[in-house]
Amino acid sequence: MELEALRTLYEHEGPFATIYLESRSPAADAEQQVRLRWDDLRQQLSEAGTPEDVLATIDDAVLVEDITEVHSNGRVLVANSTGVLLNDAVDASLGAGDHAHWSDEPELGDYIRQRERAVKMLVAITDQTGATIRQVIVADSHDMDERSETQIDADDAVSKPRENALHHSKIQNRADEVVKQNVREVAEHLEKTARSWQPEAVVVAGETQGRSALLEELSDELAIREVESGGTDDDAAEHELAAQLRAVAYELSAERVRENTERYEYGTAHDQAVSGSQAVARSTEMGAVGTLLLEYTRSATDEATHLAAAIRTGADVGLVEYSLEDAVAALLRFETGAETP
């Protein structure tokens, strides 16, 4: 996953308060629920030694005007003596529910797992005259994080003529050319955005004829996925599109996990991987860890410490469907002699 923003967080000194508020179903008393839930976590943090000034900064971040968004989408926050360092939506429904920590390092295992399951997508929803283009981050179990939306439409020349056969032919030819030009503009916009934003998938959705025309224009170098249902016509179409994108996200994140698992198995066989908390810690101290591997659901021994050390040394983080010693392993940049016991 992309860790640049988190690397900035880890440049700060601890201790840190880490707070998770799980996402819950919409409710009329959502504001009251969030206040009660935060009061409970606040008390836990206070008893753990969190200073009042740190708690006060978190008060301002949790008890916002649109508090129902905190209730519906969940929230993860990290704060230290300088203020709130991370404030992001998170689906903490991994079984842990609400929880809070006051510790030397941020407790971001749940957050990183969710972000690792999420997929960056560049989505084009086509119609007969153009496309709506969205940059979204999608996970199979969480609301989409939409980063931007662009509308590309044809001009009035696309309207269908009704009279004069010769005139009809000329106008229709003009309309067809406008549509083709518009499809080319959509394709060019997608390819330009893909080069700068680096999505894991370019998804083409919407009207059948528009999808086919756009797919013919797009470069084979893009990781293209086509979805055949859902669109922007109404709420039902939007919900169906969201469901289709979540299905794509699940497939792609599952592929990523399989690749990580295969890389770990290969690394183990060729002295390019270690497992177990002690072996990973020794390898990290030597600057040898290229990718820290965590189990898909189970927390690792000293997980916060391993994550902090890996991120500070420029390592990546990945998930595996594999039973690891202490639920942690690492792919190495070079052999270290830190064999798994």
Protein backbone atom coordinates (compact mmCIF):
# COMPACT_ATOMS: atom_id res chain seq x y z
CA MET A 1 0.00 0.00 0.00
CA GLU A 2 1.01 3.64 -0.38
CA LEU A 3 2.66 4.74 2.86
CA GLU A 4 3.96 8.23 2.15
CA ALA A 5 1.33 9.95 4.33
CA LEU A 6 1.99 7.51 7.17
CA ARG A 7 5.74 8.03 6.92
CA THR A 8 5.10 11.68 7.73
CA LEU A 9 3.08 10.63 10.78
CA TYR A 10 5.93 8.41 12.00
CA GLU A 11 8.32 11.34 11.89
CA HIS A 12 6.59 12.68 15.03
CA GLU A 13 7.56 11.65 18.55
CA GLY A 14 5.30 9.61 20.80
CA PRO A 15 3.58 8.57 22.83
CA PHE A 16 0.48 8.45 20.65
CA ALA A 17 -3.24 8.10 21.26
CA THR A 18 -4.91 5.85 18.68
CA ILE A 19 -8.71 5.71 18.57
CA TYR A 20 -11.03 3.51 16.51
CA LEU A 21 -14.76 4.16 16.26
CA GLU A 22 -16.41 1.39 14.27
CA SER A 23 -18.96 2.12 11.55
CA ARG A 24 -22.57 1.49 12.51
CA SER A 25 -25.97 1.51 10.84
CA PRO A 26 -27.72 4.87 10.45
CA ALA A 27 -29.73 5.82 13.54
CA ALA A 28 -31.84 8.75 14.70
CA ASP A 29 -29.76 9.03 17.86
CA ALA A 30 -26.39 8.78 16.05
CA GLU A 31 -25.08 11.98 17.66
CA GLN A 32 -25.88 10.74 21.14
CA GLN A 33 -24.34 7.35 20.41
CA VAL A 34 -21.06 8.85 19.16
CA ARG A 35 -20.81 11.11 22.22
CA LEU A 36 -21.36 8.17 24.58
CA ARG A 37 -18.89 5.97 22.71
CA TRP A 38 -16.22 8.68 22.73
CA ASP A 39 -16.83 9.36 26.43
CA ASP A 40 -16.06 5.71 27.16
CA LEU A 41 -12.88 5.71 25.03
CA ARG A 42 -11.84 9.05 26.50
CA GLN A 43 -12.08 7.61 30.01
CA GLN A 44 -9.98 4.61 28.97
CA LEU A 45 -7.30 6.89 27.51
CA SER A 46 -7.30 9.10 30.58
CA GLU A 47 -6.83 6.10 32.87
CA ALA A 48 -3.95 4.93 30.62
CA GLY A 49 -2.16 8.25 31.19
CA THR A 50 -3.14 10.33 28.16
CA PRO A 51 -2.68 14.04 28.99
CA GLU A 52 -5.78 16.26 29.03
CA ASP A 53 -4.47 18.54 26.27
CA VAL A 54 -4.17 15.55 23.90
CA LEU A 55 -7.70 14.43 24.80
CA ALA A 56 -9.01 17.94 24.17
CA THR A 57 -7.60 17.97 20.63
CA ILE A 58 -9.33 14.65 19.96
CA ASP A 59 -12.59 16.08 21.35
CA ASP A 60 -12.55 18.66 18.57
CA ALA A 61 -11.87 16.02 15.92
CA VAL A 62 -14.59 13.57 17.05
CA LEU A 63 -17.38 15.89 18.16
CA VAL A 64 -17.76 17.63 14.81
CA GLU A 65 -20.85 19.26 13.33
CA ASP A 66 -21.51 16.33 10.95
CA ILE A 67 -21.16 13.74 13.68
CA THR A 68 -23.43 11.27 11.84
CA GLU A 69 -20.62 10.80 9.27
CA VAL A 70 -18.37 9.58 12.09
CA HIS A 71 -21.15 7.17 13.11
CA SER A 72 -21.84 5.84 9.60
CA ASN A 73 -18.32 5.54 8.17
CA GLY A 74 -16.26 4.90 11.29
CA ARG A 75 -13.15 6.82 12.24
CA VAL A 76 -9.52 6.29 13.12
CA LEU A 77 -7.53 9.05 14.80
CA VAL A 78 -3.93 9.35 15.93
CA ALA A 79 -2.83 12.23 18.14
CA ASN A 80 0.18 13.24 20.20
CA SER A 81 1.20 16.34 22.13
CA THR A 82 1.36 18.38 18.89
CA GLY A 83 -2.22 17.62 17.83
CA VAL A 84 -4.19 15.21 15.63
CA LEU A 85 -1.86 13.54 13.11
CA LEU A 86 -4.33 11.22 11.37
CA ASN A 87 -8.10 11.53 10.98
CA ASP A 88 -9.59 9.18 8.41
CA ALA A 89 -12.65 7.06 7.74
CA VAL A 90 -12.14 3.42 8.62
CA ASP A 91 -14.37 0.38 8.87
CA ALA A 92 -13.28 -0.98 12.23
CA SER A 93 -15.76 -3.84 11.95
CA LEU A 94 -12.97 -6.42 11.92
CA GLY A 95 -14.28 -7.82 15.20
CA ALA A 96 -12.52 -5.38 17.50
CA GLY A 97 -15.22 -2.69 17.61
CA ASP A 98 -14.39 0.61 19.34
CA HIS A 99 -10.97 0.66 20.98
CA ALA A 100 -8.34 3.15 22.10
CA HIS A 101 -4.62 2.99 22.91
CA TRP A 102 -2.01 5.23 24.54
CA SER A 103 1.31 3.78 23.43
CA ASP A 104 4.83 4.51 22.22
CA GLU A 105 3.81 3.82 18.61
CA PRO A 106 0.49 4.30 16.75
CA GLU A 107 -1.67 1.16 16.74
CA LEU A 108 -2.47 1.19 13.03
CA GLY A 109 -2.68 -2.52 12.20
CA ASP A 110 -6.46 -2.49 11.62
CA TYR A 111 -6.26 0.70 9.56
CA ILE A 112 -3.43 -0.59 7.38
CA ARG A 113 -5.26 -3.89 6.82
CA GLN A 114 -8.30 -2.03 5.56
CA ARG A 115 -6.28 0.25 3.32
CA GLU A 116 -4.40 -2.76 1.95
CA ARG A 117 -7.76 -4.34 1.03
CA ALA A 118 -8.82 -1.15 -0.80
CA VAL A 119 -8.23 -0.63 -4.51
CA LYS A 120 -7.61 2.59 -6.47
CA MET A 121 -9.90 2.69 -9.49
CA LEU A 122 -10.35 5.09 -12.37
CA VAL A 123 -13.99 4.61 -13.41
CA ALA A 124 -15.63 5.75 -16.66
CA ILE A 125 -19.44 5.57 -16.71
CA THR A 126 -20.34 5.95 -20.38
CA ASP A 127 -23.46 7.06 -22.22
CA GLN A 128 -24.15 7.87 -25.89
CA THR A 129 -22.52 11.29 -25.71
CA GLY A 130 -19.63 11.00 -23.29
CA ALA A 131 -18.71 9.75 -19.83
CA THR A 132 -18.58 10.56 -16.16
CA ILE A 133 -15.07 9.84 -14.89
CA ARG A 134 -14.39 9.19 -11.22
CA GLN A 135 -11.27 8.54 -9.22
CA VAL A 136 -12.32 6.31 -6.33
CA ILE A 137 -10.82 4.08 -3.68
CA VAL A 138 -12.99 1.02 -3.14
CA ALA A 139 -13.01 -1.78 -0.58
CA ASP A 140 -15.44 -4.67 -0.65
CA SER A 141 -16.77 -3.85 2.85
CA HIS A 142 -16.69 -0.05 3.04
CA ASP A 143 -18.15 3.05 1.41
CA MET A 144 -16.26 4.35 -1.60
CA ASP A 145 -13.81 7.17 -1.10
CA GLU A 146 -14.39 9.40 -4.12
CA ARG A 147 -11.45 11.69 -4.89
CA SER A 148 -12.75 13.48 -7.97
CA GLU A 149 -15.36 13.45 -10.75
CA THR A 150 -15.06 14.78 -14.31
CA GLN A 151 -17.85 15.07 -16.87
CA ILE A 152 -17.04 14.85 -20.59
CA ASP A 153 -20.04 15.46 -22.89
CA ALA A 154 -20.65 15.96 -26.58
CA ASP A 155 -22.20 19.17 -27.92
CA ASP A 156 -25.70 19.68 -29.32
CA ALA A 157 -24.70 18.20 -32.68
CA VAL A 158 -25.47 14.76 -31.30
CA SER A 159 -29.25 15.36 -31.36
CA LYS A 160 -31.07 13.24 -33.92
CA PRO A 161 -32.57 15.03 -36.99
CA ARG A 162 -36.13 14.26 -38.08
CA GLU A 163 -36.59 15.82 -41.56
CA ASN A 164 -34.98 15.94 -45.02
CA ALA A 165 -33.22 12.69 -45.95
CA LEU A 166 -30.11 14.35 -47.41
CA HIS A 167 -29.85 16.79 -44.56
CA HIS A 168 -30.54 13.91 -42.18
CA SER A 169 -27.54 12.01 -43.55
CA LYS A 170 -25.18 14.96 -43.20
CA ILE A 171 -26.35 15.75 -39.69
CA GLN A 172 -26.15 12.11 -38.66
CA ASN A 173 -22.61 11.87 -40.00
CA ARG A 174 -21.74 15.00 -38.04
CA ALA A 175 -23.33 13.53 -34.93
CA ASP A 176 -21.43 10.27 -35.35
CA GLU A 177 -18.16 12.16 -35.73
CA VAL A 178 -18.86 14.20 -32.60
CA VAL A 179 -19.50 11.02 -30.63
CA LYS A 180 -16.30 9.44 -31.94
CA GLN A 181 -14.32 12.53 -31.08
CA ASN A 182 -15.86 12.56 -27.64
CA VAL A 183 -14.93 8.93 -27.07
CA ARG A 184 -11.36 9.77 -28.05
CA GLU A 185 -11.38 12.65 -25.56
CA VAL A 186 -12.63 10.32 -22.82
CA ALA A 187 -9.92 7.77 -23.66
CA GLU A 188 -7.21 10.43 -23.69
CA HIS A 189 -8.40 11.80 -20.35
CA LEU A 190 -8.41 8.31 -18.82
CA GLU A 191 -4.94 7.50 -20.07
CA LYS A 192 -3.52 10.84 -18.91
CA THR A 193 -5.11 10.47 -15.47
CA ALA A 194 -3.96 6.86 -15.20
CA ARG A 195 -0.35 7.91 -15.84
CA SER A 196 -0.42 10.47 -13.03
CA TRP A 197 -2.71 8.76 -10.49
CA GLN A 198 -1.58 5.16 -11.05
CA PRO A 199 -4.86 3.27 -10.42
CA GLU A 200 -4.83 -0.48 -10.05
CA ALA A 201 -7.76 -0.77 -12.44
CA VAL A 202 -9.49 1.30 -15.12
CA VAL A 203 -13.15 0.31 -14.95
CA VAL A 204 -15.50 0.91 -17.87
CA ALA A 205 -19.19 0.92 -16.97
CA GLY A 206 -22.45 2.39 -18.25
CA GLU A 207 -24.34 2.13 -21.53
CA THR A 208 -23.40 -0.84 -23.74
CA GLN A 209 -22.64 1.01 -26.97
CA GLY A 210 -20.59 3.63 -25.13
CA ARG A 211 -18.62 0.93 -23.30
CA SER A 212 -17.78 -0.86 -26.54
CA ALA A 213 -16.66 2.33 -28.27
CA LEU A 214 -14.48 3.36 -25.35
CA LEU A 215 -12.90 -0.06 -24.94
CA GLU A 216 -11.80 0.06 -28.59
CA GLU A 217 -10.00 3.37 -27.97
CA LEU A 218 -8.20 2.47 -24.74
CA SER A 219 -4.62 1.24 -24.67
CA ASP A 220 -4.02 -2.43 -23.92
CA GLU A 221 -1.40 -1.31 -21.41
CA LEU A 222 -4.12 -0.26 -18.95
CA ALA A 223 -5.49 -2.75 -16.43
CA ILE A 224 -9.04 -2.58 -17.81
CA ARG A 225 -12.10 -4.09 -16.14
CA GLU A 226 -15.59 -3.92 -17.64
CA VAL A 227 -18.78 -3.99 -15.58
CA GLU A 228 -22.07 -4.54 -17.37
CA SER A 229 -24.59 -3.15 -14.87
CA GLY A 230 -25.04 -0.01 -12.85
CA GLY A 231 -24.67 3.62 -13.81
CA THR A 232 -25.59 7.19 -12.90
CA ASP A 233 -29.24 7.31 -14.01
CA ASP A 234 -30.74 7.11 -10.52
CA ASP A 235 -30.07 5.87 -6.97
CA ALA A 236 -30.73 2.25 -7.93
CA ALA A 237 -28.20 2.44 -10.77
CA GLU A 238 -25.64 4.10 -8.48
CA HIS A 239 -26.11 1.40 -5.83
CA GLU A 240 -25.67 -1.32 -8.43
CA LEU A 241 -22.54 0.34 -9.76
CA ALA A 242 -21.14 0.57 -6.24
CA ALA A 243 -21.84 -3.15 -5.72
CA GLN A 244 -20.06 -4.00 -8.98
CA LEU A 245 -17.04 -1.90 -8.01
CA ARG A 246 -16.85 -3.60 -4.63
CA ALA A 247 -16.84 -6.97 -6.39
CA VAL A 248 -13.94 -5.81 -8.57
CA ALA A 249 -12.14 -4.55 -5.45
CA TYR A 250 -12.56 -7.92 -3.76
CA GLU A 251 -11.12 -9.75 -6.77
CA LEU A 252 -8.13 -7.44 -7.07
CA SER A 253 -7.32 -7.39 -3.35
CA ALA A 254 -7.59 -11.19 -3.27
CA GLU A 255 -5.14 -11.36 -6.20
CA ARG A 256 -2.78 -9.09 -4.28
CA VAL A 257 -2.93 -11.34 -1.22
CA ARG A 258 -2.27 -14.42 -3.35
CA GLU A 259 0.74 -12.73 -4.95
CA ASN A 260 2.13 -11.79 -1.52
CA THR A 261 1.64 -15.35 -0.32
CA GLU A 262 3.44 -16.76 -3.38
CA ARG A 263 6.28 -14.27 -2.91
CA TYR A 264 6.62 -15.33 0.73
CA GLU A 265 6.67 -19.03 -0.15
CA TYR A 266 9.32 -18.39 -2.81
CA GLY A 267 11.33 -16.21 -0.43
CA THR A 268 11.24 -18.84 2.28
CA ALA A 269 12.57 -21.43 -0.12
CA HIS A 270 15.40 -19.14 -1.31
CA ASP A 271 16.52 -17.49 1.96
CA GLN A 272 14.83 -14.22 0.96
CA ALA A 273 12.20 -14.16 3.72
CA VAL A 274 11.99 -14.54 7.48
CA SER A 275 9.11 -15.05 9.87
CA GLY A 276 8.58 -14.57 13.58
CA SER A 277 8.79 -11.39 15.62
CA GLN A 278 12.45 -11.69 16.62
CA ALA A 279 13.73 -12.52 13.13
CA VAL A 280 11.73 -9.68 11.58
CA ALA A 281 13.00 -7.22 14.21
CA ARG A 282 16.64 -8.20 13.57
CA SER A 283 16.17 -7.86 9.81
CA THR A 284 14.52 -4.46 10.19
CA GLU A 285 17.43 -3.21 12.32
CA MET A 286 19.76 -4.16 9.47
CA GLY A 287 17.62 -2.28 6.92
CA ALA A 288 16.95 -5.54 5.09
CA VAL A 289 13.13 -5.59 5.15
CA GLY A 290 11.60 -4.75 1.78
CA THR A 291 8.03 -5.75 2.60
CA LEU A 292 6.54 -6.41 6.03
CA LEU A 293 3.91 -9.15 5.81
CA LEU A 294 0.92 -9.39 8.16
CA GLU A 295 -1.78 -12.01 8.32
CA TYR A 296 -5.08 -10.99 6.76
CA THR A 297 -6.98 -10.87 10.05
CA ARG A 298 -4.77 -11.94 12.99
CA SER A 299 -2.73 -9.26 14.78
CA ALA A 300 1.01 -9.81 15.03
CA THR A 301 3.18 -9.92 18.13
CA ASP A 302 4.50 -6.36 18.71
CA GLU A 303 2.61 -5.32 15.60
CA ALA A 304 2.75 -1.55 16.21
CA THR A 305 6.52 -1.71 16.72
CA HIS A 306 7.07 -3.72 13.54
CA LEU A 307 4.89 -1.38 11.50
CA ALA A 308 6.67 1.70 12.83
CA ALA A 309 10.12 0.27 12.12
CA ALA A 310 9.16 -0.92 8.65
CA ILE A 311 7.58 2.36 7.61
CA ARG A 312 10.45 4.44 8.99
CA THR A 313 12.95 2.39 6.99
CA GLY A 314 11.00 2.69 3.73
CA ALA A 315 9.53 -0.81 3.65
CA ASP A 316 6.14 -1.69 2.16
CA VAL A 317 3.38 -3.56 3.96
CA GLY A 318 1.35 -6.45 2.55
CA LEU A 319 -1.17 -9.07 3.67
CA VAL A 320 -1.03 -12.84 3.29
CA GLU A 321 -3.45 -15.71 3.74
CA TYR A 322 -0.85 -17.77 5.56
CA SER A 323 -0.29 -18.89 9.14
CA LEU A 324 2.90 -17.10 10.17
CA GLU A 325 4.97 -17.46 13.31
CA ASP A 326 3.85 -14.59 15.59
CA ALA A 327 1.59 -13.57 12.66
CA VAL A 328 4.43 -11.56 11.07
CA ALA A 329 7.03 -12.11 8.34
CA ALA A 330 9.17 -10.10 5.96
CA LEU A 331 10.44 -10.24 2.42
CA LEU A 332 14.11 -9.24 2.42
CA ARG A 333 16.15 -6.92 0.26
CA PHE A 334 19.20 -9.08 0.99
CA GLU A 335 20.10 -12.11 3.09
CA THR A 336 20.73 -11.32 6.75
CA GLY A 337 21.35 -14.63 8.46
CA ALA A 338 18.32 -13.88 10.65
CA GLU A 339 16.78 -17.26 10.01
CA THR A 340 13.47 -18.17 11.46
CA PRO A 341 14.08 -20.20 14.63
